[in-house]
Amino acid sequence: MFEKLDGFRSSYENVKRWLRPLEDAAHILSASAEQTADCVRVQMQWLKNELKNTYTRTEDTVMVENFERYTTGFWEGLFACYDTSYLPRTNNDHERFFRRTKTRHRRMMGLRSWNRYIWRSGEFVIWVDDALK
């Protein structure tokens, strides 16, 4: 088993090098509430340009292209939360609410899946649950 570790060494070194720009992106996107969307947008654009100019090895193209494709897909909505105080940066609260509602209704119905319940009652289930809480 340990003989195979040397075969992964170069891949491990690449992934370790690729971690730095991802940490930089996380740091930029977790900006303080005082920063505007334009400020964060400029920093992210700088990071994207820096990636293209710094990570030029052939094995880096996978990471650079993936980062470019991923950020381009979210670019328009990525910075809206910095200028709007009531817009959360993540949807974690919504996900937790849906999970609690789903679990509660599954337990009430005694079924593993709540799909039939949603098909029968529709989004009304969520509205009522939200109003009651």
N, C-alpha and C. Protein backbone atom coordinates (compact mmCIF):
# COMPACT_ATOMS: atom_id res chain seq x y z
N MET A 1 0.82 -1.19 0.00
CA MET A 1 0.00 0.00 0.00
C MET A 1 0.87 1.25 0.00
N PHE A 2 1.91 1.27 0.83
CA PHE A 2 2.77 2.45 0.92
C PHE A 2 3.59 2.65 -0.35
N GLU A 3 3.79 1.58 -1.12
CA GLU A 3 4.53 1.69 -2.36
C GLU A 3 3.78 2.56 -3.37
N LYS A 4 2.48 2.59 -3.29
CA LYS A 4 1.66 3.36 -4.24
C LYS A 4 1.62 4.84 -3.91
N LEU A 5 2.00 5.23 -2.72
CA LEU A 5 1.94 6.64 -2.32
C LEU A 5 2.79 7.54 -3.19
N ASP A 6 3.95 7.07 -3.62
CA ASP A 6 4.82 7.89 -4.46
C ASP A 6 4.16 8.25 -5.78
N GLY A 7 3.27 7.41 -6.27
CA GLY A 7 2.57 7.69 -7.52
C GLY A 7 1.60 8.85 -7.40
N PHE A 8 1.16 9.16 -6.18
CA PHE A 8 0.22 10.26 -5.96
C PHE A 8 0.91 11.55 -5.52
N ARG A 9 2.21 11.51 -5.35
CA ARG A 9 2.93 12.67 -4.81
C ARG A 9 2.76 13.91 -5.69
N SER A 10 2.89 13.78 -7.00
CA SER A 10 2.77 14.96 -7.88
C SER A 10 1.34 15.51 -7.86
N SER A 11 0.36 14.64 -7.83
CA SER A 11 -1.04 15.10 -7.75
C SER A 11 -1.28 15.82 -6.43
N TYR A 12 -0.74 15.28 -5.37
CA TYR A 12 -0.89 15.90 -4.06
C TYR A 12 -0.24 17.28 -4.04
N GLU A 13 0.93 17.41 -4.62
CA GLU A 13 1.62 18.70 -4.66
C GLU A 13 0.80 19.72 -5.46
N ASN A 14 0.20 19.29 -6.56
CA ASN A 14 -0.64 20.19 -7.35
C ASN A 14 -1.85 20.67 -6.56
N VAL A 15 -2.52 19.74 -5.93
CA VAL A 15 -3.71 20.11 -5.15
C VAL A 15 -3.33 21.03 -4.01
N LYS A 16 -2.20 20.80 -3.40
CA LYS A 16 -1.73 21.67 -2.32
C LYS A 16 -1.47 23.09 -2.83
N ARG A 17 -0.87 23.21 -4.03
CA ARG A 17 -0.64 24.53 -4.62
C ARG A 17 -1.94 25.22 -4.98
N TRP A 18 -2.93 24.44 -5.42
CA TRP A 18 -4.22 25.01 -5.85
C TRP A 18 -5.06 25.48 -4.68
N LEU A 19 -4.72 25.07 -3.49
CA LEU A 19 -5.50 25.46 -2.31
C LEU A 19 -5.39 26.96 -2.03
N ARG A 20 -4.24 27.56 -2.28
CA ARG A 20 -4.03 28.98 -1.96
C ARG A 20 -5.05 29.90 -2.66
N PRO A 21 -5.25 29.80 -3.98
CA PRO A 21 -6.23 30.70 -4.59
C PRO A 21 -7.66 30.44 -4.11
N LEU A 22 -7.97 29.21 -3.76
CA LEU A 22 -9.31 28.92 -3.24
C LEU A 22 -9.50 29.55 -1.87
N GLU A 23 -8.46 29.51 -1.06
CA GLU A 23 -8.52 30.19 0.24
C GLU A 23 -8.63 31.70 0.05
N ASP A 24 -7.92 32.23 -0.95
CA ASP A 24 -8.02 33.67 -1.25
C ASP A 24 -9.44 34.04 -1.67
N ALA A 25 -10.06 33.21 -2.50
CA ALA A 25 -11.43 33.47 -2.93
C ALA A 25 -12.39 33.43 -1.74
N ALA A 26 -12.21 32.47 -0.85
CA ALA A 26 -13.06 32.39 0.34
C ALA A 26 -12.87 33.61 1.21
N HIS A 27 -11.65 34.08 1.33
CA HIS A 27 -11.38 35.28 2.13
C HIS A 27 -12.03 36.52 1.50
N ILE A 28 -11.94 36.65 0.19
CA ILE A 28 -12.55 37.79 -0.50
C ILE A 28 -14.06 37.77 -0.34
N LEU A 29 -14.67 36.61 -0.53
CA LEU A 29 -16.13 36.51 -0.48
C LEU A 29 -16.68 36.60 0.94
N SER A 30 -15.85 36.41 1.95
CA SER A 30 -16.32 36.56 3.32
C SER A 30 -15.99 37.96 3.83
N ALA A 31 -16.09 38.93 2.96
CA ALA A 31 -15.76 40.32 3.28
C ALA A 31 -16.69 40.85 4.36
N SER A 32 -16.25 41.89 5.03
CA SER A 32 -17.05 42.49 6.08
C SER A 32 -18.28 43.18 5.48
N ALA A 33 -19.23 43.48 6.33
CA ALA A 33 -20.49 44.08 5.88
C ALA A 33 -20.29 45.49 5.33
N GLU A 34 -19.18 46.12 5.67
CA GLU A 34 -18.93 47.49 5.21
C GLU A 34 -18.50 47.53 3.74
N GLN A 35 -18.01 46.44 3.20
CA GLN A 35 -17.54 46.44 1.82
C GLN A 35 -18.72 46.40 0.85
N THR A 36 -18.56 47.08 -0.26
CA THR A 36 -19.61 47.11 -1.27
C THR A 36 -19.41 45.97 -2.27
N ALA A 37 -20.44 45.75 -3.06
CA ALA A 37 -20.37 44.72 -4.09
C ALA A 37 -19.30 45.06 -5.12
N ASP A 38 -19.14 46.33 -5.45
CA ASP A 38 -18.13 46.72 -6.43
C ASP A 38 -16.72 46.40 -5.94
N CYS A 39 -16.47 46.64 -4.67
CA CYS A 39 -15.16 46.36 -4.08
C CYS A 39 -14.85 44.86 -4.13
N VAL A 40 -15.81 44.05 -3.76
CA VAL A 40 -15.61 42.59 -3.76
C VAL A 40 -15.48 42.10 -5.19
N ARG A 41 -16.27 42.65 -6.11
CA ARG A 41 -16.19 42.27 -7.52
C ARG A 41 -14.79 42.54 -8.09
N VAL A 42 -14.24 43.72 -7.77
CA VAL A 42 -12.89 44.07 -8.25
C VAL A 42 -11.85 43.10 -7.70
N GLN A 43 -11.96 42.75 -6.43
CA GLN A 43 -11.01 41.82 -5.83
C GLN A 43 -11.10 40.43 -6.48
N MET A 44 -12.32 39.98 -6.74
CA MET A 44 -12.49 38.68 -7.38
C MET A 44 -11.98 38.71 -8.82
N GLN A 45 -12.20 39.81 -9.52
CA GLN A 45 -11.69 39.92 -10.89
C GLN A 45 -10.16 39.90 -10.88
N TRP A 46 -9.56 40.57 -9.90
CA TRP A 46 -8.11 40.56 -9.76
C TRP A 46 -7.62 39.12 -9.53
N LEU A 47 -8.32 38.38 -8.67
CA LEU A 47 -7.93 37.01 -8.38
C LEU A 47 -8.03 36.14 -9.63
N LYS A 48 -9.09 36.32 -10.41
CA LYS A 48 -9.24 35.55 -11.64
C LYS A 48 -8.09 35.84 -12.61
N ASN A 49 -7.72 37.11 -12.74
CA ASN A 49 -6.60 37.48 -13.61
C ASN A 49 -5.29 36.94 -13.07
N GLU A 50 -5.12 37.00 -11.76
CA GLU A 50 -3.91 36.49 -11.13
C GLU A 50 -3.76 34.98 -11.36
N LEU A 51 -4.86 34.27 -11.28
CA LEU A 51 -4.83 32.82 -11.55
C LEU A 51 -4.34 32.54 -12.96
N LYS A 52 -4.89 33.27 -13.94
CA LYS A 52 -4.49 33.05 -15.33
C LYS A 52 -3.02 33.35 -15.55
N ASN A 53 -2.50 34.38 -14.87
CA ASN A 53 -1.11 34.78 -15.07
C ASN A 53 -0.12 33.96 -14.26
N THR A 54 -0.52 33.45 -13.11
CA THR A 54 0.40 32.74 -12.21
C THR A 54 0.42 31.24 -12.46
N TYR A 55 -0.76 30.65 -12.61
CA TYR A 55 -0.86 29.19 -12.75
C TYR A 55 -0.85 28.85 -14.25
N THR A 56 0.36 28.77 -14.80
CA THR A 56 0.51 28.59 -16.25
C THR A 56 1.04 27.21 -16.63
N ARG A 57 1.30 26.35 -15.66
CA ARG A 57 1.73 24.99 -15.99
C ARG A 57 0.59 24.24 -16.69
N THR A 58 0.95 23.24 -17.45
CA THR A 58 -0.08 22.47 -18.15
C THR A 58 -1.02 21.77 -17.19
N GLU A 59 -0.51 21.31 -16.06
CA GLU A 59 -1.39 20.63 -15.08
C GLU A 59 -2.30 21.61 -14.35
N ASP A 60 -2.00 22.92 -14.43
CA ASP A 60 -2.83 23.93 -13.78
C ASP A 60 -4.05 24.33 -14.60
N THR A 61 -4.06 24.00 -15.87
CA THR A 61 -5.17 24.45 -16.72
C THR A 61 -6.51 23.90 -16.23
N VAL A 62 -6.51 22.71 -15.68
CA VAL A 62 -7.75 22.13 -15.17
C VAL A 62 -8.33 23.01 -14.07
N MET A 63 -7.50 23.43 -13.13
CA MET A 63 -7.96 24.25 -12.01
C MET A 63 -8.37 25.64 -12.49
N VAL A 64 -7.57 26.25 -13.34
CA VAL A 64 -7.85 27.62 -13.81
C VAL A 64 -9.15 27.64 -14.61
N GLU A 65 -9.32 26.68 -15.51
CA GLU A 65 -10.55 26.63 -16.32
C GLU A 65 -11.77 26.35 -15.45
N ASN A 66 -11.62 25.47 -14.48
CA ASN A 66 -12.74 25.17 -13.58
C ASN A 66 -13.13 26.39 -12.76
N PHE A 67 -12.14 27.10 -12.22
CA PHE A 67 -12.40 28.30 -11.44
C PHE A 67 -13.09 29.36 -12.31
N GLU A 68 -12.60 29.54 -13.52
CA GLU A 68 -13.18 30.51 -14.45
C GLU A 68 -14.62 30.15 -14.79
N ARG A 69 -14.85 28.90 -15.14
CA ARG A 69 -16.19 28.45 -15.51
C ARG A 69 -17.16 28.57 -14.33
N TYR A 70 -16.72 28.19 -13.16
CA TYR A 70 -17.57 28.21 -11.97
C TYR A 70 -17.94 29.64 -11.58
N THR A 71 -16.95 30.54 -11.54
CA THR A 71 -17.25 31.92 -11.15
C THR A 71 -18.05 32.64 -12.22
N THR A 72 -17.80 32.34 -13.49
CA THR A 72 -18.57 32.98 -14.55
C THR A 72 -20.04 32.60 -14.45
N GLY A 73 -20.31 31.37 -14.09
CA GLY A 73 -21.69 30.92 -13.96
C GLY A 73 -22.45 31.64 -12.87
N PHE A 74 -21.78 32.05 -11.81
CA PHE A 74 -22.42 32.71 -10.68
C PHE A 74 -22.16 34.21 -10.64
N TRP A 75 -21.40 34.74 -11.58
CA TRP A 75 -20.87 36.10 -11.48
C TRP A 75 -21.95 37.15 -11.26
N GLU A 76 -23.04 37.11 -11.99
CA GLU A 76 -24.07 38.15 -11.90
C GLU A 76 -24.70 38.23 -10.50
N GLY A 77 -24.98 37.11 -9.89
CA GLY A 77 -25.64 37.12 -8.59
C GLY A 77 -24.70 36.97 -7.41
N LEU A 78 -23.42 36.84 -7.68
CA LEU A 78 -22.46 36.55 -6.63
C LEU A 78 -22.28 37.69 -5.64
N PHE A 79 -22.49 38.92 -6.07
CA PHE A 79 -22.16 40.08 -5.24
C PHE A 79 -23.39 40.85 -4.75
N ALA A 80 -24.58 40.36 -5.03
CA ALA A 80 -25.81 41.08 -4.66
C ALA A 80 -25.96 41.24 -3.15
N CYS A 81 -25.47 40.29 -2.39
CA CYS A 81 -25.67 40.31 -0.94
C CYS A 81 -24.86 41.40 -0.24
N TYR A 82 -23.86 41.96 -0.90
CA TYR A 82 -23.02 42.97 -0.25
C TYR A 82 -23.68 44.34 -0.22
N ASP A 83 -24.59 44.61 -1.15
CA ASP A 83 -25.26 45.90 -1.19
C ASP A 83 -26.67 45.86 -0.60
N THR A 84 -27.18 44.68 -0.32
CA THR A 84 -28.52 44.53 0.21
C THR A 84 -28.45 43.86 1.57
N SER A 85 -28.79 44.59 2.61
CA SER A 85 -28.61 44.08 3.97
C SER A 85 -29.51 42.90 4.30
N TYR A 86 -30.69 42.84 3.71
CA TYR A 86 -31.62 41.76 4.06
C TYR A 86 -31.40 40.49 3.25
N LEU A 87 -30.49 40.51 2.29
CA LEU A 87 -30.20 39.33 1.48
C LEU A 87 -29.05 38.56 2.13
N PRO A 88 -29.29 37.33 2.57
CA PRO A 88 -28.21 36.56 3.23
C PRO A 88 -27.16 36.11 2.23
N ARG A 89 -25.95 35.89 2.71
CA ARG A 89 -24.86 35.44 1.84
C ARG A 89 -24.99 33.97 1.48
N THR A 90 -25.63 33.20 2.32
CA THR A 90 -25.84 31.78 2.03
C THR A 90 -27.32 31.46 2.18
N ASN A 91 -27.72 30.31 1.68
CA ASN A 91 -29.10 29.86 1.85
C ASN A 91 -29.20 28.78 2.92
N ASN A 92 -28.24 28.76 3.84
CA ASN A 92 -28.22 27.72 4.87
C ASN A 92 -29.47 27.73 5.74
N ASP A 93 -29.98 28.92 6.07
CA ASP A 93 -31.20 28.99 6.90
C ASP A 93 -32.39 28.38 6.17
N HIS A 94 -32.51 28.67 4.88
CA HIS A 94 -33.61 28.07 4.11
C HIS A 94 -33.48 26.56 4.04
N GLU A 95 -32.27 26.09 3.81
CA GLU A 95 -32.05 24.65 3.73
C GLU A 95 -32.41 23.97 5.05
N ARG A 96 -32.03 24.58 6.16
CA ARG A 96 -32.38 24.00 7.48
C ARG A 96 -33.88 23.99 7.71
N PHE A 97 -34.56 25.07 7.31
CA PHE A 97 -36.02 25.15 7.46
C PHE A 97 -36.70 24.04 6.65
N PHE A 98 -36.28 23.87 5.39
CA PHE A 98 -36.88 22.82 4.57
C PHE A 98 -36.59 21.44 5.14
N ARG A 99 -35.39 21.25 5.65
CA ARG A 99 -35.04 19.94 6.24
C ARG A 99 -35.90 19.65 7.46
N ARG A 100 -36.08 20.65 8.35
CA ARG A 100 -36.93 20.44 9.54
C ARG A 100 -38.37 20.15 9.14
N THR A 101 -38.89 20.90 8.18
CA THR A 101 -40.26 20.70 7.73
C THR A 101 -40.43 19.32 7.12
N LYS A 102 -39.49 18.94 6.28
CA LYS A 102 -39.55 17.64 5.62
C LYS A 102 -39.50 16.51 6.65
N THR A 103 -38.60 16.62 7.63
CA THR A 103 -38.47 15.59 8.67
C THR A 103 -39.75 15.48 9.49
N ARG A 104 -40.31 16.63 9.86
CA ARG A 104 -41.53 16.62 10.68
C ARG A 104 -42.69 15.96 9.93
N HIS A 105 -42.86 16.30 8.68
CA HIS A 105 -43.96 15.71 7.92
C HIS A 105 -43.73 14.23 7.62
N ARG A 106 -42.50 13.83 7.42
CA ARG A 106 -42.22 12.41 7.23
C ARG A 106 -42.57 11.63 8.48
N ARG A 107 -42.26 12.20 9.65
CA ARG A 107 -42.59 11.52 10.91
C ARG A 107 -44.09 11.47 11.13
N MET A 108 -44.79 12.55 10.78
CA MET A 108 -46.26 12.57 10.94
C MET A 108 -46.92 11.51 10.06
N MET A 109 -46.43 11.38 8.83
CA MET A 109 -47.05 10.47 7.88
C MET A 109 -46.55 9.04 8.05
N GLY A 110 -45.41 8.86 8.71
CA GLY A 110 -44.87 7.51 8.89
C GLY A 110 -44.24 6.95 7.64
N LEU A 111 -43.89 7.81 6.72
CA LEU A 111 -43.31 7.36 5.46
C LEU A 111 -41.85 7.81 5.36
N ARG A 112 -41.07 7.08 4.57
CA ARG A 112 -39.69 7.49 4.34
C ARG A 112 -39.61 8.74 3.48
N SER A 113 -40.43 8.80 2.50
CA SER A 113 -40.39 9.91 1.56
C SER A 113 -41.60 10.80 1.79
N TRP A 114 -41.41 12.08 1.58
CA TRP A 114 -42.54 12.99 1.74
C TRP A 114 -43.05 13.45 0.39
N ASN A 115 -42.61 12.79 -0.69
CA ASN A 115 -42.99 13.20 -2.03
C ASN A 115 -44.50 13.14 -2.26
N ARG A 116 -45.14 12.05 -1.84
CA ARG A 116 -46.59 11.95 -2.04
C ARG A 116 -47.33 13.04 -1.26
N TYR A 117 -46.84 13.35 -0.08
CA TYR A 117 -47.47 14.39 0.72
C TYR A 117 -47.37 15.74 0.03
N ILE A 118 -46.20 16.04 -0.53
CA ILE A 118 -46.02 17.30 -1.25
C ILE A 118 -46.86 17.32 -2.51
N TRP A 119 -46.92 16.19 -3.23
CA TRP A 119 -47.74 16.15 -4.44
C TRP A 119 -49.21 16.43 -4.10
N ARG A 120 -49.67 15.91 -2.98
CA ARG A 120 -51.06 16.07 -2.59
C ARG A 120 -51.33 17.47 -2.04
N SER A 121 -50.43 18.00 -1.21
CA SER A 121 -50.68 19.27 -0.53
C SER A 121 -49.97 20.45 -1.17
N GLY A 122 -48.95 20.20 -1.94
CA GLY A 122 -48.24 21.27 -2.64
C GLY A 122 -47.44 22.17 -1.71
N GLU A 123 -47.13 23.36 -2.22
CA GLU A 123 -46.30 24.30 -1.46
C GLU A 123 -47.03 24.87 -0.26
N PHE A 124 -48.32 24.60 -0.14
CA PHE A 124 -49.10 25.06 1.00
C PHE A 124 -48.49 24.58 2.32
N VAL A 125 -47.88 23.38 2.29
CA VAL A 125 -47.24 22.81 3.47
C VAL A 125 -46.17 23.75 4.01
N ILE A 126 -45.35 24.27 3.12
CA ILE A 126 -44.26 25.15 3.51
C ILE A 126 -44.81 26.48 4.02
N TRP A 127 -45.81 27.02 3.34
CA TRP A 127 -46.38 28.31 3.76
C TRP A 127 -46.98 28.22 5.16
N VAL A 128 -47.72 27.16 5.41
CA VAL A 128 -48.34 26.98 6.73
C VAL A 128 -47.28 26.79 7.78
N ASP A 129 -46.29 25.97 7.51
CA ASP A 129 -45.22 25.74 8.46
C ASP A 129 -44.48 27.04 8.78
N ASP A 130 -44.22 27.83 7.74
CA ASP A 130 -43.54 29.11 7.94
C ASP A 130 -44.40 30.06 8.77
N ALA A 131 -45.70 30.10 8.51
CA ALA A 131 -46.61 30.99 9.25
C ALA A 131 -46.71 30.59 10.72
N LEU A 132 -46.71 29.28 10.97
CA LEU A 132 -46.81 28.80 12.35
C LEU A 132 -45.55 29.05 13.15
N LYS A 133 -44.43 29.11 12.49
CA LYS A 133 -43.16 29.35 13.20
C LYS A 133 -42.89 30.83 13.26
